[in-house]
C-alpha atoms as a PDB file:
ATOM      1  CA  MET A   1      23.473  10.455 -48.773  1.00  0.00           C
ATOM      2  CA  ALA A   2      24.275   6.278 -48.080  1.00  0.00           C
ATOM      3  CA  LEU A   3      26.895   4.838 -50.262  1.00  0.00           C
ATOM      4  CA  ASP A   4      26.800   0.990 -50.501  1.00  0.00           C
ATOM      5  CA  GLY A   5      29.967  -0.856 -50.065  1.00  0.00           C
ATOM      6  CA  ILE A   6      28.982  -3.494 -52.574  1.00  0.00           C
ATOM      7  CA  THR A   7      28.270  -1.926 -55.640  1.00  0.00           C
ATOM      8  CA  GLY A   8      29.448   1.990 -55.406  1.00  0.00           C
ATOM      9  CA  THR A   9      25.736   3.421 -55.573  1.00  0.00           C
ATOM     10  CA  VAL A  10      24.909   5.825 -53.706  1.00  0.00           C
ATOM     11  CA  SER A  11      21.168   6.663 -52.481  1.00  0.00           C
ATOM     12  CA  THR A  12      20.065  10.457 -52.771  1.00  0.00           C
ATOM     13  CA  SER A  13      16.586   9.399 -51.446  1.00  0.00           C
ATOM     14  CA  VAL A  14      16.180  10.792 -47.305  1.00  0.00           C
ATOM     15  CA  PRO A  15      15.822   8.781 -44.531  1.00  0.00           C
ATOM     16  CA  ALA A  16      11.994   9.425 -43.282  1.00  0.00           C
ATOM     17  CA  THR A  17      12.279  11.352 -39.609  1.00  0.00           C
ATOM     18  CA  SER A  18       9.351  11.043 -37.542  1.00  0.00           C
ATOM     19  CA  THR A  19       8.296  13.891 -35.876  1.00  0.00           C
ATOM     20  CA  THR A  20       7.222  12.916 -32.627  1.00  0.00           C
ATOM     21  CA  THR A  21       5.290  15.844 -30.405  1.00  0.00           C
ATOM     22  CA  ARG A  22       6.872  15.903 -27.173  1.00  0.00           C
ATOM     23  CA  ALA A  23       3.374  16.860 -24.187  1.00  0.00           C
ATOM     24  CA  PRO A  24       5.283  20.223 -22.106  1.00  0.00           C
ATOM     25  CA  SER A  25       5.825  19.303 -18.624  1.00  0.00           C
ATOM     26  CA  GLN A  26       3.856  21.185 -15.563  1.00  0.00           C
ATOM     27  CA  GLU A  27       6.296  20.772 -13.426  1.00  0.00           C
ATOM     28  CA  MET A  28       9.799  20.327 -12.114  1.00  0.00           C
ATOM     29  CA  ASN A  29      12.206  17.812 -12.303  1.00  0.00           C
ATOM     30  CA  SER A  30      15.362  16.401 -12.328  1.00  0.00           C
ATOM     31  CA  ASP A  31      15.384  16.622 -16.155  1.00  0.00           C
ATOM     32  CA  MET A  32      14.143  20.030 -16.779  1.00  0.00           C
ATOM     33  CA  PHE A  33      16.422  21.493 -14.269  1.00  0.00           C
ATOM     34  CA  MET A  34      19.746  19.446 -15.762  1.00  0.00           C
ATOM     35  CA  GLN A  35      18.780  20.833 -19.056  1.00  0.00           C
ATOM     36  CA  LEU A  36      18.824  24.188 -17.650  1.00  0.00           C
ATOM     37  CA  LEU A  37      22.246  23.617 -16.761  1.00  0.00           C
ATOM     38  CA  VAL A  38      23.208  22.311 -19.346  1.00  0.00           C
ATOM     39  CA  LYS A  39      21.802  25.110 -21.542  1.00  0.00           C
ATOM     40  CA  GLN A  40      23.516  27.587 -18.790  1.00  0.00           C
ATOM     41  CA  LEU A  41      26.664  26.354 -19.471  1.00  0.00           C
ATOM     42  CA  GLN A  42      26.758  26.568 -22.409  1.00  0.00           C
ATOM     43  CA  ASN A  43      25.511  30.081 -23.739  1.00  0.00           C
ATOM     44  CA  GLN A  44      27.765  31.218 -20.881  1.00  0.00           C
ATOM     45  CA  ASP A  45      30.427  33.849 -21.454  1.00  0.00           C
ATOM     46  CA  PRO A  46      33.943  32.349 -21.925  1.00  0.00           C
ATOM     47  CA  SER A  47      35.571  35.414 -21.050  1.00  0.00           C
ATOM     48  CA  SER A  48      33.541  34.963 -17.693  1.00  0.00           C
ATOM     49  CA  PRO A  49      32.794  31.279 -16.563  1.00  0.00           C
ATOM     50  CA  MET A  50      29.951  30.197 -14.717  1.00  0.00           C
ATOM     51  CA  ASP A  51      31.980  30.117 -10.961  1.00  0.00           C
ATOM     52  CA  THR A  52      32.128  26.714  -9.985  1.00  0.00           C
ATOM     53  CA  ASN A  53      30.857  27.139  -6.485  1.00  0.00           C
ATOM     54  CA  ALA A  54      27.599  28.134  -7.822  1.00  0.00           C
ATOM     55  CA  MET A  55      27.802  25.163 -10.103  1.00  0.00           C
ATOM     56  CA  ILE A  56      27.744  23.260  -7.156  1.00  0.00           C
ATOM     57  CA  GLY A  57      25.587  25.074  -5.243  1.00  0.00           C
ATOM     58  CA  GLN A  58      22.976  23.975  -8.554  1.00  0.00           C
ATOM     59  CA  THR A  59      23.456  19.697  -8.196  1.00  0.00           C
ATOM     60  CA  THR A  60      22.814  20.630  -4.291  1.00  0.00           C
ATOM     61  CA  GLN A  61      19.430  22.304  -5.825  1.00  0.00           C
ATOM     62  CA  LEU A  62      19.169  19.059  -7.648  1.00  0.00           C
ATOM     63  CA  ALA A  63      20.320  16.839  -5.365  1.00  0.00           C
ATOM     64  CA  MET A  64      17.826  18.457  -2.869  1.00  0.00           C
ATOM     65  CA  MET A  65      14.978  18.536  -5.178  1.00  0.00           C
ATOM     66  CA  GLU A  66      14.719  14.564  -5.963  1.00  0.00           C
ATOM     67  CA  GLN A  67      15.174  14.009  -2.266  1.00  0.00           C
ATOM     68  CA  ILE A  68      12.182  15.905  -1.333  1.00  0.00           C
ATOM     69  CA  THR A  69       9.940  14.778  -4.446  1.00  0.00           C
ATOM     70  CA  ASN A  70      11.137  10.800  -3.249  1.00  0.00           C
ATOM     71  CA  ASN A  71      10.456  11.478   0.678  1.00  0.00           C
ATOM     72  CA  THR A  72       6.734  13.380  -0.563  1.00  0.00           C
ATOM     73  CA  THR A  73       5.669   9.797  -2.668  1.00  0.00           C
ATOM     74  CA  THR A  74       7.005   7.817   0.051  1.00  0.00           C
ATOM     75  CA  GLY A  75       5.061   9.701   2.313  1.00  0.00           C
ATOM     76  CA  ASN A  76       1.166   9.995   0.714  1.00  0.00           C
ATOM     77  CA  GLU A  77       1.960   6.225  -0.262  1.00  0.00           C
ATOM     78  CA  ASN A  78       2.516   5.233   3.139  1.00  0.00           C
ATOM     79  CA  PHE A  79      -0.724   7.150   4.494  1.00  0.00           C
ATOM     80  CA  SER A  80      -2.549   5.340   1.530  1.00  0.00           C
ATOM     81  CA  LEU A  81      -1.671   2.059   2.847  1.00  0.00           C
ATOM     82  CA  GLN A  82      -1.799   3.311   6.829  1.00  0.00           C
ATOM     83  CA  MET A  83      -5.775   4.615   5.357  1.00  0.00           C
ATOM     84  CA  ARG A  84      -6.059   0.967   3.453  1.00  0.00           C
ATOM     85  CA  ILE A  85      -5.292  -1.101   6.964  1.00  0.00           C
ATOM     86  CA  SER A  86      -7.159   1.187   9.092  1.00  0.00           C
ATOM     87  CA  ALA A  87     -10.556   0.546   6.794  1.00  0.00           C
ATOM     88  CA  ALA A  88      -9.664  -3.350   6.364  1.00  0.00           C
ATOM     89  CA  ASN A  89      -9.268  -3.128  10.580  1.00  0.00           C
ATOM     90  CA  LEU A  90     -13.292  -2.225  10.696  1.00  0.00           C
ATOM     91  CA  VAL A  91     -14.415  -5.203   9.434  1.00  0.00           C
ATOM     92  CA  GLY A  92     -16.139  -7.288  11.632  1.00  0.00           C
ATOM     93  CA  LYS A  93     -16.663  -3.932  14.280  1.00  0.00           C
ATOM     94  CA  GLN A  94     -19.833  -1.770  14.942  1.00  0.00           C
ATOM     95  CA  VAL A  95     -18.757   1.903  14.010  1.00  0.00           C
ATOM     96  CA  SER A  96     -21.081   4.851  13.546  1.00  0.00           C
ATOM     97  CA  TYR A  97     -21.302   7.708  11.148  1.00  0.00           C
ATOM     98  CA  THR A  98     -23.306  10.653  10.053  1.00  0.00           C
ATOM     99  CA  ASP A  99     -25.443  10.216   6.953  1.00  0.00           C
ATOM    100  CA  ALA A 100     -25.062  12.326   4.486  1.00  0.00           C
ATOM    101  CA  THR A 101     -28.428  12.829   2.900  1.00  0.00           C
ATOM    102  CA  THR A 102     -30.701  12.206   6.473  1.00  0.00           C
ATOM    103  CA  GLY A 103     -27.588  14.162   9.099  1.00  0.00           C
ATOM    104  CA  THR A 104     -28.532  11.578  11.028  1.00  0.00           C
ATOM    105  CA  ASP A 105     -25.921   9.424  12.831  1.00  0.00           C
ATOM    106  CA  VAL A 106     -25.924   5.036  11.799  1.00  0.00           C
ATOM    107  CA  LYS A 107     -24.688   2.857  13.701  1.00  0.00           C
ATOM    108  CA  GLY A 108     -23.907  -0.635  12.006  1.00  0.00           C
ATOM    109  CA  THR A 109     -21.600  -3.800  11.315  1.00  0.00           C
ATOM    110  CA  ALA A 110     -18.869  -2.956   8.959  1.00  0.00           C
ATOM    111  CA  SER A 111     -18.894  -6.050   6.559  1.00  0.00           C
ATOM    112  CA  ALA A 112     -16.413  -5.229   4.284  1.00  0.00           C
ATOM    113  CA  VAL A 113     -14.092  -2.786   2.319  1.00  0.00           C
ATOM    114  CA  SER A 114     -13.589  -1.775  -1.218  1.00  0.00           C
ATOM    115  CA  PHE A 115      -9.689  -0.218  -2.048  1.00  0.00           C
ATOM    116  CA  ALA A 116     -11.462   0.807  -6.156  1.00  0.00           C
ATOM    117  CA  GLY A 117     -10.995   4.975  -5.252  1.00  0.00           C
ATOM    118  CA  SER A 118      -8.898   7.029  -3.433  1.00  0.00           C
ATOM    119  CA  VAL A 119      -9.774   6.935  -0.131  1.00  0.00           C
ATOM    120  CA  PRO A 120     -10.926   3.094   0.939  1.00  0.00           C
ATOM    121  CA  THR A 121     -14.907   2.690   1.717  1.00  0.00           C
ATOM    122  CA  VAL A 122     -16.500   0.405   4.083  1.00  0.00           C
ATOM    123  CA  THR A 123     -20.115  -1.444   3.651  1.00  0.00           C
ATOM    124  CA  VAL A 124     -21.624  -0.688   6.836  1.00  0.00           C
ATOM    125  CA  GLY A 125     -25.568  -2.414   6.070  1.00  0.00           C
ATOM    126  CA  GLY A 126     -25.205  -2.308   2.399  1.00  0.00           C
ATOM    127  CA  LYS A 127     -24.479   0.804   2.552  1.00  0.00           C
ATOM    128  CA  ASP A 128     -21.051   2.130   1.460  1.00  0.00           C
ATOM    129  CA  ILE A 129     -19.141   4.671   3.517  1.00  0.00           C
ATOM    130  CA  PRO A 130     -16.192   6.559   2.798  1.00  0.00           C
ATOM    131  CA  LEU A 131     -13.302   6.290   5.616  1.00  0.00           C
ATOM    132  CA  ASP A 132     -13.118   9.365   6.326  1.00  0.00           C
ATOM    133  CA  SER A 133     -17.159   9.553   6.634  1.00  0.00           C
ATOM    134  CA  ILE A 134     -16.836   7.553   9.460  1.00  0.00           C
ATOM    135  CA  SER A 135     -16.435   8.944  13.236  1.00  0.00           C
ATOM    136  CA  GLY A 136     -15.884   6.653  15.395  1.00  0.00           C
ATOM    137  CA  VAL A 137     -15.817   2.340  16.163  1.00  0.00           C
ATOM    138  CA  ILE A 138     -18.673   1.018  18.922  1.00  0.00           C
ATOM    139  CA  ASP A 139     -17.249  -0.824  21.323  1.00  0.00           C
ATOM    140  CA  PRO A 140     -19.224  -4.074  21.768  1.00  0.00           C
ATOM    141  CA  THR A 141     -18.907  -4.417  25.701  1.00  0.00           C
ATOM    142  CA  SER A 142     -19.923  -0.964  26.577  1.00  0.00           C
ATOM    143  CA  SER A 143     -22.167   1.162  25.220  1.00  0.00           C
ATOM    144  CA  THR A 144     -19.439   4.313  24.367  1.00  0.00           C
ATOM    145  CA  ALA A 145     -18.144   5.249  20.653  1.00  0.00           C
ATOM    146  CA  THR A 146     -14.423   5.741  20.357  1.00  0.00           C
ATOM    147  CA  SER A 147     -13.380   8.525  18.303  1.00  0.00           C
END
């Protein structure tokens, strides 16, 4: 009930509440870990409280989990950047790859790179080839390919 300070009347209407549904999380993150720790502290037996060493151990686990998650994210970003740099460096070079439809080795000049997908694609002879399908780079001064 809200009280109107000027007229002294009482409003009996109930404010509208918004119901938001939350999608369940399929991964363990720091928020879920902290919620579990708070629930554990709220529901502990008052005659036998949680050992402080156990609580420190759990918060240390939380910090370690966050660091591992950050390192994994950084590693994935670095790998993606390395793939992009490698693909860009192929432009103008002779490359070889195995054609997926015929199974034959194909050689050609890389003319363009696309970063639209999760794996960069290199255009060789008008055909888009995933970076991980390129098997070698051909040195124009010799007839040997390097992998």
